[in-house]
Amino acid sequence: MHTISRTAAFVAGAVIGVCALAASSSASADDGGASRGDLLRASVQGSQLADPPLFGLTRGGAPWVISEGTARLRADGRLRVEVEGLVIPTTGVNPVVMVSATVACNGTALTPTATVPFSTAGDAVIDTRVALPARCLAPAVLLNPNGNAAVYIAATGR
């Protein structure tokens, strides 16, 4: 019968401890890849004519498609939205010159951000800070054409 030396037992315990520590630190991100400081990290999708009203906002009057878009909302209110190629597919261009974002928390739309330039190719970056409630459940981000807080042309989701 073999016995395990104290050194071998110590080394095995250290290896198990390091593995457990590595597993717990990688668990600091949720299934969506967002770190604990992120309330939301999601893709942005163009609105479609069949889309429902969201948080009191109605979808735009035309379908929108997007090449690429992401939104990241941090617990301290930092918001970054990047969109590329958000256009109306029948024309292939974006007719809107400015865009803002509305964050929704707890089923309620918050005050929209200031507008930023929106290229005819459908590219824009919103990098700002928003005032969040003390608790922000089920956050979402919607993009407003020309700062119109009653309408969205894109939103987070799939």
N, C-alpha and C. Protein backbone atom coordinates (compact mmCIF):
# COMPACT_ATOMS: atom_id res chain seq x y z
N MET A 1 0.83 -1.17 0.00
CA MET A 1 0.00 0.00 0.00
C MET A 1 0.89 1.25 0.00
N HIS A 2 0.54 2.22 -0.85
CA HIS A 2 1.33 3.45 -0.96
C HIS A 2 0.76 4.51 -0.02
N THR A 3 1.63 5.28 0.55
CA THR A 3 1.20 6.42 1.36
C THR A 3 1.62 7.69 0.66
N ILE A 4 0.87 8.74 0.86
CA ILE A 4 1.16 10.03 0.24
C ILE A 4 2.02 10.84 1.20
N SER A 5 3.10 11.37 0.68
CA SER A 5 3.97 12.18 1.52
C SER A 5 3.30 13.52 1.82
N ARG A 6 3.74 14.16 2.86
CA ARG A 6 3.19 15.47 3.22
C ARG A 6 3.44 16.48 2.11
N THR A 7 4.58 16.41 1.47
CA THR A 7 4.90 17.34 0.39
C THR A 7 3.94 17.14 -0.78
N ALA A 8 3.72 15.89 -1.15
CA ALA A 8 2.80 15.61 -2.26
C ALA A 8 1.39 16.06 -1.91
N ALA A 9 0.95 15.84 -0.69
CA ALA A 9 -0.37 16.27 -0.27
C ALA A 9 -0.47 17.80 -0.29
N PHE A 10 0.58 18.49 0.15
CA PHE A 10 0.60 19.94 0.13
C PHE A 10 0.52 20.47 -1.30
N VAL A 11 1.31 19.91 -2.20
CA VAL A 11 1.32 20.32 -3.60
C VAL A 11 -0.05 20.08 -4.22
N ALA A 12 -0.64 18.93 -3.98
CA ALA A 12 -1.97 18.62 -4.52
C ALA A 12 -2.99 19.62 -3.98
N GLY A 13 -2.94 19.93 -2.71
CA GLY A 13 -3.86 20.90 -2.12
C GLY A 13 -3.67 22.28 -2.70
N ALA A 14 -2.42 22.67 -2.92
CA ALA A 14 -2.15 23.98 -3.51
C ALA A 14 -2.69 24.07 -4.93
N VAL A 15 -2.52 23.01 -5.70
CA VAL A 15 -3.04 22.98 -7.08
C VAL A 15 -4.56 23.10 -7.07
N ILE A 16 -5.21 22.35 -6.20
CA ILE A 16 -6.68 22.42 -6.11
C ILE A 16 -7.12 23.82 -5.70
N GLY A 17 -6.41 24.42 -4.75
CA GLY A 17 -6.75 25.77 -4.31
C GLY A 17 -6.60 26.80 -5.42
N VAL A 18 -5.52 26.72 -6.17
CA VAL A 18 -5.30 27.65 -7.29
C VAL A 18 -6.39 27.47 -8.34
N CYS A 19 -6.75 26.23 -8.64
CA CYS A 19 -7.81 25.97 -9.62
C CYS A 19 -9.15 26.54 -9.13
N ALA A 20 -9.45 26.39 -7.86
CA ALA A 20 -10.70 26.91 -7.31
C ALA A 20 -10.71 28.43 -7.36
N LEU A 21 -9.57 29.05 -7.05
CA LEU A 21 -9.47 30.50 -7.11
C LEU A 21 -9.66 31.01 -8.53
N ALA A 22 -9.05 30.34 -9.49
CA ALA A 22 -9.19 30.74 -10.90
C ALA A 22 -10.63 30.59 -11.35
N ALA A 23 -11.30 29.53 -10.92
CA ALA A 23 -12.70 29.32 -11.31
C ALA A 23 -13.59 30.39 -10.70
N SER A 24 -13.33 30.79 -9.46
CA SER A 24 -14.18 31.80 -8.84
C SER A 24 -13.96 33.17 -9.46
N SER A 25 -12.73 33.49 -9.86
CA SER A 25 -12.50 34.80 -10.48
C SER A 25 -13.07 34.84 -11.88
N SER A 26 -13.10 33.72 -12.60
CA SER A 26 -13.73 33.74 -13.91
C SER A 26 -15.23 33.78 -13.79
N ALA A 27 -15.76 33.43 -12.63
CA ALA A 27 -17.20 33.49 -12.41
C ALA A 27 -17.66 34.90 -12.10
N SER A 28 -16.75 35.87 -12.09
CA SER A 28 -17.14 37.24 -11.83
C SER A 28 -17.86 37.85 -13.03
N ALA A 29 -17.89 37.16 -14.14
CA ALA A 29 -18.65 37.61 -15.29
C ALA A 29 -19.90 36.75 -15.40
N ASP A 30 -21.01 37.38 -15.84
CA ASP A 30 -22.23 36.60 -15.99
C ASP A 30 -22.20 35.87 -17.32
N ASP A 31 -23.26 35.13 -17.63
CA ASP A 31 -23.28 34.33 -18.84
C ASP A 31 -23.15 35.17 -20.11
N GLY A 32 -23.54 36.45 -20.05
CA GLY A 32 -23.45 37.30 -21.22
C GLY A 32 -22.09 37.94 -21.39
N GLY A 33 -21.15 37.61 -20.54
CA GLY A 33 -19.81 38.16 -20.66
C GLY A 33 -19.65 39.52 -20.01
N ALA A 34 -20.68 40.00 -19.33
CA ALA A 34 -20.59 41.29 -18.68
C ALA A 34 -19.91 41.13 -17.33
N SER A 35 -19.04 42.08 -16.99
CA SER A 35 -18.40 42.03 -15.68
C SER A 35 -19.39 42.50 -14.64
N ARG A 36 -19.05 42.34 -13.38
CA ARG A 36 -19.96 42.73 -12.31
C ARG A 36 -20.26 44.22 -12.33
N GLY A 37 -19.40 45.03 -12.92
CA GLY A 37 -19.64 46.47 -13.02
C GLY A 37 -20.61 46.81 -14.14
N ASP A 38 -20.91 45.85 -15.00
CA ASP A 38 -21.81 46.09 -16.12
C ASP A 38 -23.24 45.70 -15.75
N LEU A 39 -24.18 46.60 -16.00
CA LEU A 39 -25.59 46.25 -15.89
C LEU A 39 -26.07 45.61 -17.18
N LEU A 40 -25.48 46.04 -18.29
CA LEU A 40 -25.91 45.53 -19.59
C LEU A 40 -24.74 45.59 -20.56
N ARG A 41 -24.55 44.54 -21.30
CA ARG A 41 -23.64 44.51 -22.43
C ARG A 41 -24.35 43.66 -23.46
N ALA A 42 -24.85 44.30 -24.51
CA ALA A 42 -25.72 43.58 -25.45
C ALA A 42 -25.57 44.13 -26.86
N SER A 43 -26.03 43.31 -27.80
CA SER A 43 -26.04 43.75 -29.19
C SER A 43 -27.25 44.66 -29.41
N VAL A 44 -27.15 45.47 -30.45
CA VAL A 44 -28.22 46.39 -30.83
C VAL A 44 -28.82 45.89 -32.13
N GLN A 45 -30.14 45.88 -32.21
CA GLN A 45 -30.86 45.44 -33.40
C GLN A 45 -31.71 46.58 -33.94
N GLY A 46 -31.82 46.66 -35.25
CA GLY A 46 -32.69 47.65 -35.87
C GLY A 46 -34.14 47.31 -35.62
N SER A 47 -34.99 48.34 -35.55
CA SER A 47 -36.43 48.10 -35.33
C SER A 47 -37.09 47.64 -36.63
N GLN A 48 -38.17 46.92 -36.47
CA GLN A 48 -38.95 46.42 -37.61
C GLN A 48 -40.39 46.92 -37.46
N LEU A 49 -41.12 46.96 -38.54
CA LEU A 49 -42.48 47.48 -38.50
C LEU A 49 -43.40 46.67 -37.58
N ALA A 50 -43.10 45.41 -37.39
CA ALA A 50 -43.93 44.56 -36.53
C ALA A 50 -43.54 44.65 -35.05
N ASP A 51 -42.48 45.40 -34.73
CA ASP A 51 -42.04 45.49 -33.33
C ASP A 51 -43.07 46.21 -32.49
N PRO A 52 -43.21 45.78 -31.24
CA PRO A 52 -44.19 46.42 -30.34
C PRO A 52 -43.63 47.70 -29.72
N PRO A 53 -44.51 48.49 -29.11
CA PRO A 53 -44.01 49.62 -28.32
C PRO A 53 -43.16 49.07 -27.17
N LEU A 54 -42.11 49.77 -26.83
CA LEU A 54 -41.24 49.37 -25.73
C LEU A 54 -41.10 50.52 -24.75
N PHE A 55 -41.48 50.31 -23.51
CA PHE A 55 -41.32 51.31 -22.45
C PHE A 55 -41.97 52.64 -22.82
N GLY A 56 -43.09 52.59 -23.55
CA GLY A 56 -43.80 53.79 -23.95
C GLY A 56 -43.31 54.42 -25.24
N LEU A 57 -42.26 53.86 -25.86
CA LEU A 57 -41.75 54.37 -27.13
C LEU A 57 -42.28 53.50 -28.27
N THR A 58 -42.61 54.12 -29.39
CA THR A 58 -43.05 53.35 -30.55
C THR A 58 -41.90 53.21 -31.54
N ARG A 59 -41.94 52.17 -32.33
CA ARG A 59 -40.88 51.94 -33.31
C ARG A 59 -41.02 52.94 -34.44
N GLY A 60 -39.90 53.13 -35.14
CA GLY A 60 -39.88 54.07 -36.25
C GLY A 60 -40.84 53.66 -37.36
N GLY A 61 -41.08 54.57 -38.29
CA GLY A 61 -42.03 54.34 -39.37
C GLY A 61 -41.49 53.54 -40.54
N ALA A 62 -40.27 53.04 -40.44
CA ALA A 62 -39.66 52.23 -41.49
C ALA A 62 -38.84 51.14 -40.82
N PRO A 63 -38.60 50.03 -41.54
CA PRO A 63 -37.72 49.02 -40.96
C PRO A 63 -36.27 49.51 -40.99
N TRP A 64 -35.48 49.07 -39.99
CA TRP A 64 -34.07 49.43 -39.90
C TRP A 64 -33.26 48.15 -39.78
N VAL A 65 -32.11 48.12 -40.43
CA VAL A 65 -31.18 47.00 -40.30
C VAL A 65 -29.85 47.55 -39.83
N ILE A 66 -29.03 46.70 -39.26
CA ILE A 66 -27.76 47.15 -38.71
C ILE A 66 -26.67 46.15 -39.06
N SER A 67 -25.50 46.67 -39.39
CA SER A 67 -24.35 45.79 -39.64
C SER A 67 -23.77 45.31 -38.33
N GLU A 68 -23.58 46.25 -37.39
CA GLU A 68 -23.01 45.90 -36.09
C GLU A 68 -23.39 46.96 -35.08
N GLY A 69 -23.71 46.52 -33.89
CA GLY A 69 -24.04 47.47 -32.83
C GLY A 69 -23.94 46.84 -31.45
N THR A 70 -23.41 47.61 -30.50
CA THR A 70 -23.31 47.15 -29.12
C THR A 70 -23.65 48.28 -28.17
N ALA A 71 -24.17 47.89 -27.02
CA ALA A 71 -24.45 48.86 -25.96
C ALA A 71 -23.89 48.30 -24.67
N ARG A 72 -23.24 49.18 -23.90
CA ARG A 72 -22.69 48.79 -22.60
C ARG A 72 -23.11 49.84 -21.59
N LEU A 73 -23.81 49.38 -20.57
CA LEU A 73 -24.26 50.25 -19.48
C LEU A 73 -23.60 49.76 -18.20
N ARG A 74 -22.86 50.66 -17.56
CA ARG A 74 -22.15 50.30 -16.32
C ARG A 74 -22.99 50.72 -15.11
N ALA A 75 -22.74 50.09 -13.99
CA ALA A 75 -23.50 50.35 -12.76
C ALA A 75 -23.39 51.81 -12.32
N ASP A 76 -22.31 52.50 -12.68
CA ASP A 76 -22.15 53.90 -12.30
C ASP A 76 -22.79 54.87 -13.30
N GLY A 77 -23.52 54.33 -14.29
CA GLY A 77 -24.23 55.16 -15.25
C GLY A 77 -23.50 55.43 -16.55
N ARG A 78 -22.25 54.97 -16.66
CA ARG A 78 -21.54 55.17 -17.93
C ARG A 78 -22.22 54.35 -19.01
N LEU A 79 -22.49 54.99 -20.12
CA LEU A 79 -23.16 54.35 -21.25
C LEU A 79 -22.33 54.56 -22.50
N ARG A 80 -22.10 53.47 -23.22
CA ARG A 80 -21.42 53.56 -24.52
C ARG A 80 -22.21 52.72 -25.51
N VAL A 81 -22.66 53.37 -26.57
CA VAL A 81 -23.39 52.70 -27.64
C VAL A 81 -22.63 52.96 -28.93
N GLU A 82 -22.33 51.89 -29.65
CA GLU A 82 -21.66 52.02 -30.94
C GLU A 82 -22.51 51.31 -31.98
N VAL A 83 -22.82 52.01 -33.05
CA VAL A 83 -23.56 51.39 -34.16
C VAL A 83 -22.83 51.66 -35.47
N GLU A 84 -22.85 50.65 -36.31
CA GLU A 84 -22.29 50.76 -37.65
C GLU A 84 -23.31 50.21 -38.63
N GLY A 85 -23.59 50.97 -39.65
CA GLY A 85 -24.49 50.51 -40.71
C GLY A 85 -25.94 50.40 -40.30
N LEU A 86 -26.43 51.29 -39.43
CA LEU A 86 -27.85 51.31 -39.07
C LEU A 86 -28.58 52.14 -40.12
N VAL A 87 -29.24 51.45 -41.04
CA VAL A 87 -29.84 52.10 -42.21
C VAL A 87 -31.22 51.52 -42.50
N ILE A 88 -31.95 52.22 -43.34
CA ILE A 88 -33.22 51.71 -43.86
C ILE A 88 -32.87 50.85 -45.07
N PRO A 89 -33.24 49.57 -45.07
CA PRO A 89 -32.76 48.66 -46.12
C PRO A 89 -33.23 49.00 -47.53
N THR A 90 -34.39 49.61 -47.69
CA THR A 90 -34.87 49.91 -49.04
C THR A 90 -34.04 50.99 -49.72
N THR A 91 -33.42 51.88 -48.92
CA THR A 91 -32.59 52.94 -49.50
C THR A 91 -31.10 52.68 -49.29
N GLY A 92 -30.77 51.90 -48.27
CA GLY A 92 -29.36 51.61 -47.97
C GLY A 92 -28.64 52.75 -47.27
N VAL A 93 -29.38 53.77 -46.84
CA VAL A 93 -28.77 54.90 -46.14
C VAL A 93 -29.56 55.23 -44.89
N ASN A 94 -28.96 56.08 -44.08
CA ASN A 94 -29.59 56.60 -42.88
C ASN A 94 -30.02 58.04 -43.16
N PRO A 95 -31.33 58.34 -43.12
CA PRO A 95 -31.79 59.70 -43.38
C PRO A 95 -31.78 60.60 -42.14
N VAL A 96 -31.39 60.07 -41.00
CA VAL A 96 -31.44 60.79 -39.73
C VAL A 96 -30.07 61.41 -39.45
N VAL A 97 -30.02 62.67 -39.04
CA VAL A 97 -28.74 63.34 -38.86
C VAL A 97 -28.20 63.27 -37.43
N MET A 98 -29.07 63.03 -36.46
CA MET A 98 -28.66 62.94 -35.06
C MET A 98 -29.37 61.75 -34.43
N VAL A 99 -28.75 61.23 -33.35
CA VAL A 99 -29.35 60.10 -32.63
C VAL A 99 -29.06 60.27 -31.14
N SER A 100 -29.99 59.83 -30.32
CA SER A 100 -29.79 59.82 -28.87
C SER A 100 -30.15 58.42 -28.38
N ALA A 101 -29.93 58.17 -27.10
CA ALA A 101 -30.26 56.87 -26.52
C ALA A 101 -31.16 57.07 -25.30
N THR A 102 -32.08 56.16 -25.13
CA THR A 102 -32.91 56.13 -23.93
C THR A 102 -32.62 54.83 -23.21
N VAL A 103 -32.25 54.93 -21.95
CA VAL A 103 -32.05 53.75 -21.11
C VAL A 103 -33.37 53.49 -20.39
N ALA A 104 -33.74 52.22 -20.30
CA ALA A 104 -34.92 51.82 -19.53
C ALA A 104 -34.47 50.95 -18.37
N CYS A 105 -35.00 51.22 -17.20
CA CYS A 105 -34.76 50.42 -16.00
C CYS A 105 -36.10 50.16 -15.34
N ASN A 106 -36.26 48.99 -14.80
CA ASN A 106 -37.46 48.66 -14.03
C ASN A 106 -38.74 48.88 -14.85
N GLY A 107 -38.64 48.67 -16.17
CA GLY A 107 -39.80 48.82 -17.05
C GLY A 107 -40.15 50.24 -17.41
N THR A 108 -39.28 51.20 -17.07
CA THR A 108 -39.57 52.61 -17.31
C THR A 108 -38.43 53.25 -18.09
N ALA A 109 -38.80 54.02 -19.11
CA ALA A 109 -37.79 54.76 -19.88
C ALA A 109 -37.31 55.96 -19.07
N LEU A 110 -36.00 56.15 -19.04
CA LEU A 110 -35.40 57.28 -18.35
C LEU A 110 -35.22 58.44 -19.33
N THR A 111 -34.68 59.54 -18.88
CA THR A 111 -34.44 60.70 -19.73
C THR A 111 -33.42 60.34 -20.81
N PRO A 112 -33.71 60.69 -22.07
CA PRO A 112 -32.75 60.37 -23.14
C PRO A 112 -31.46 61.18 -23.02
N THR A 113 -30.42 60.64 -23.65
CA THR A 113 -29.13 61.31 -23.67
C THR A 113 -29.19 62.49 -24.64
N ALA A 114 -28.14 63.28 -24.62
CA ALA A 114 -27.99 64.33 -25.63
C ALA A 114 -27.79 63.65 -26.99
N THR A 115 -28.11 64.36 -28.05
CA THR A 115 -27.94 63.79 -29.39
C THR A 115 -26.47 63.86 -29.80
N VAL A 116 -26.11 62.94 -30.69
CA VAL A 116 -24.78 62.91 -31.29
C VAL A 116 -24.96 62.80 -32.81
N PRO A 117 -23.93 63.17 -33.57
CA PRO A 117 -24.02 63.05 -35.03
C PRO A 117 -24.22 61.59 -35.46
N PHE A 118 -25.00 61.41 -36.53
CA PHE A 118 -25.35 60.10 -37.06
C PHE A 118 -25.10 60.15 -38.56
N SER A 119 -24.08 59.45 -39.04
CA SER A 119 -23.66 59.55 -40.45
C SER A 119 -24.69 58.92 -41.39
N THR A 120 -24.63 59.32 -42.67
CA THR A 120 -25.54 58.73 -43.66
C THR A 120 -25.27 57.24 -43.85
N ALA A 121 -24.08 56.79 -43.47
CA ALA A 121 -23.76 55.36 -43.52
C ALA A 121 -24.35 54.60 -42.33
N GLY A 122 -24.92 55.36 -41.37
CA GLY A 122 -25.55 54.73 -40.21
C GLY A 122 -24.60 54.45 -39.06
N ASP A 123 -23.54 55.26 -38.95
CA ASP A 123 -22.55 55.08 -37.89
C ASP A 123 -22.70 56.17 -36.84
N ALA A 124 -22.62 55.76 -35.57
CA ALA A 124 -22.68 56.72 -34.47
C ALA A 124 -22.07 56.10 -33.22
N VAL A 125 -21.58 56.97 -32.34
CA VAL A 125 -21.07 56.54 -31.03
C VAL A 125 -21.64 57.49 -29.99
N ILE A 126 -22.29 56.91 -29.01
CA ILE A 126 -22.79 57.66 -27.86
C ILE A 126 -21.92 57.24 -26.68
N ASP A 127 -21.25 58.19 -26.07
CA ASP A 127 -20.38 57.91 -24.93
C ASP A 127 -20.69 58.96 -23.88
N THR A 128 -21.46 58.57 -22.86
CA THR A 128 -21.96 59.54 -21.89
C THR A 128 -22.20 58.87 -20.55
N ARG A 129 -22.76 59.60 -19.64
CA ARG A 129 -23.16 59.07 -18.34
C ARG A 129 -24.64 59.42 -18.15
N VAL A 130 -25.42 58.46 -17.67
CA VAL A 130 -26.84 58.68 -17.42
C VAL A 130 -27.11 58.50 -15.93
N ALA A 131 -28.15 59.17 -15.44
CA ALA A 131 -28.57 59.04 -14.05
C ALA A 131 -29.45 57.79 -13.95
N LEU A 132 -29.03 56.85 -13.13
CA LEU A 132 -29.77 55.60 -12.95
C LEU A 132 -30.47 55.59 -11.60
N PRO A 133 -31.58 54.87 -11.51
CA PRO A 133 -32.19 54.69 -10.19
C PRO A 133 -31.28 53.83 -9.31
N ALA A 134 -31.54 53.80 -8.02
CA ALA A 134 -30.71 53.03 -7.10
C ALA A 134 -30.64 51.56 -7.50
N ARG A 135 -31.69 51.07 -8.09
CA ARG A 135 -31.73 49.68 -8.55
C ARG A 135 -32.25 49.70 -9.98
N CYS A 136 -31.53 49.08 -10.89
CA CYS A 136 -31.91 49.08 -12.31
C CYS A 136 -32.10 47.64 -12.76
N LEU A 137 -33.34 47.18 -12.72
CA LEU A 137 -33.66 45.81 -13.14
C LEU A 137 -34.01 45.80 -14.62
N ALA A 138 -33.63 44.72 -15.30
CA ALA A 138 -33.94 44.50 -16.71
C ALA A 138 -33.62 45.72 -17.57
N PRO A 139 -32.36 46.19 -17.55
CA PRO A 139 -32.02 47.37 -18.34
C PRO A 139 -32.08 47.10 -19.84
N ALA A 140 -32.41 48.14 -20.57
CA ALA A 140 -32.45 48.09 -22.03
C ALA A 140 -32.01 49.46 -22.54
N VAL A 141 -31.54 49.50 -23.78
CA VAL A 141 -31.15 50.75 -24.42
C VAL A 141 -31.86 50.83 -25.76
N LEU A 142 -32.48 51.97 -26.03
CA LEU A 142 -33.18 52.22 -27.29
C LEU A 142 -32.57 53.46 -27.93
N LEU A 143 -32.47 53.47 -29.26
CA LEU A 143 -31.92 54.61 -30.00
C LEU A 143 -33.05 55.44 -30.57
N ASN A 144 -32.97 56.75 -30.35
CA ASN A 144 -34.01 57.68 -30.76
C ASN A 144 -33.54 58.52 -31.95
N PRO A 145 -34.33 58.56 -33.04
CA PRO A 145 -33.94 59.37 -34.20
C PRO A 145 -34.10 60.86 -33.90
N ASN A 146 -33.08 61.63 -34.21
CA ASN A 146 -33.09 63.09 -34.01
C ASN A 146 -33.51 63.49 -32.60
N GLY A 147 -33.20 62.63 -31.61
CA GLY A 147 -33.51 62.95 -30.23
C GLY A 147 -34.97 62.83 -29.86
N ASN A 148 -35.80 62.24 -30.73
CA ASN A 148 -37.23 62.08 -30.46
C ASN A 148 -37.43 60.97 -29.43
N ALA A 149 -37.66 61.34 -28.19
CA ALA A 149 -37.76 60.38 -27.09
C ALA A 149 -39.02 59.52 -27.14
N ALA A 150 -39.92 59.76 -28.08
CA ALA A 150 -41.14 58.96 -28.20
C ALA A 150 -40.98 57.81 -29.19
N VAL A 151 -39.85 57.79 -29.94
CA VAL A 151 -39.66 56.83 -31.02
C VAL A 151 -38.31 56.13 -30.87
N TYR A 152 -38.27 54.84 -31.24
CA TYR A 152 -36.98 54.15 -31.29
C TYR A 152 -36.78 53.53 -32.67
N ILE A 153 -35.53 53.51 -33.12
CA ILE A 153 -35.20 52.89 -34.41
C ILE A 153 -34.30 51.68 -34.23
N ALA A 154 -33.82 51.48 -33.00
CA ALA A 154 -33.01 50.31 -32.68
C ALA A 154 -33.08 50.11 -31.17
N ALA A 155 -32.82 48.87 -30.74
CA ALA A 155 -32.87 48.57 -29.31
C ALA A 155 -31.96 47.38 -29.03
N THR A 156 -31.57 47.24 -27.76
CA THR A 156 -30.79 46.08 -27.38
C THR A 156 -31.67 44.83 -27.41
N GLY A 157 -31.07 43.72 -27.73
CA GLY A 157 -31.80 42.45 -27.80
C GLY A 157 -31.40 41.68 -29.02
N ARG A 158 -32.09 40.58 -29.22
CA ARG A 158 -31.83 39.73 -30.39
C ARG A 158 -33.04 39.59 -31.24
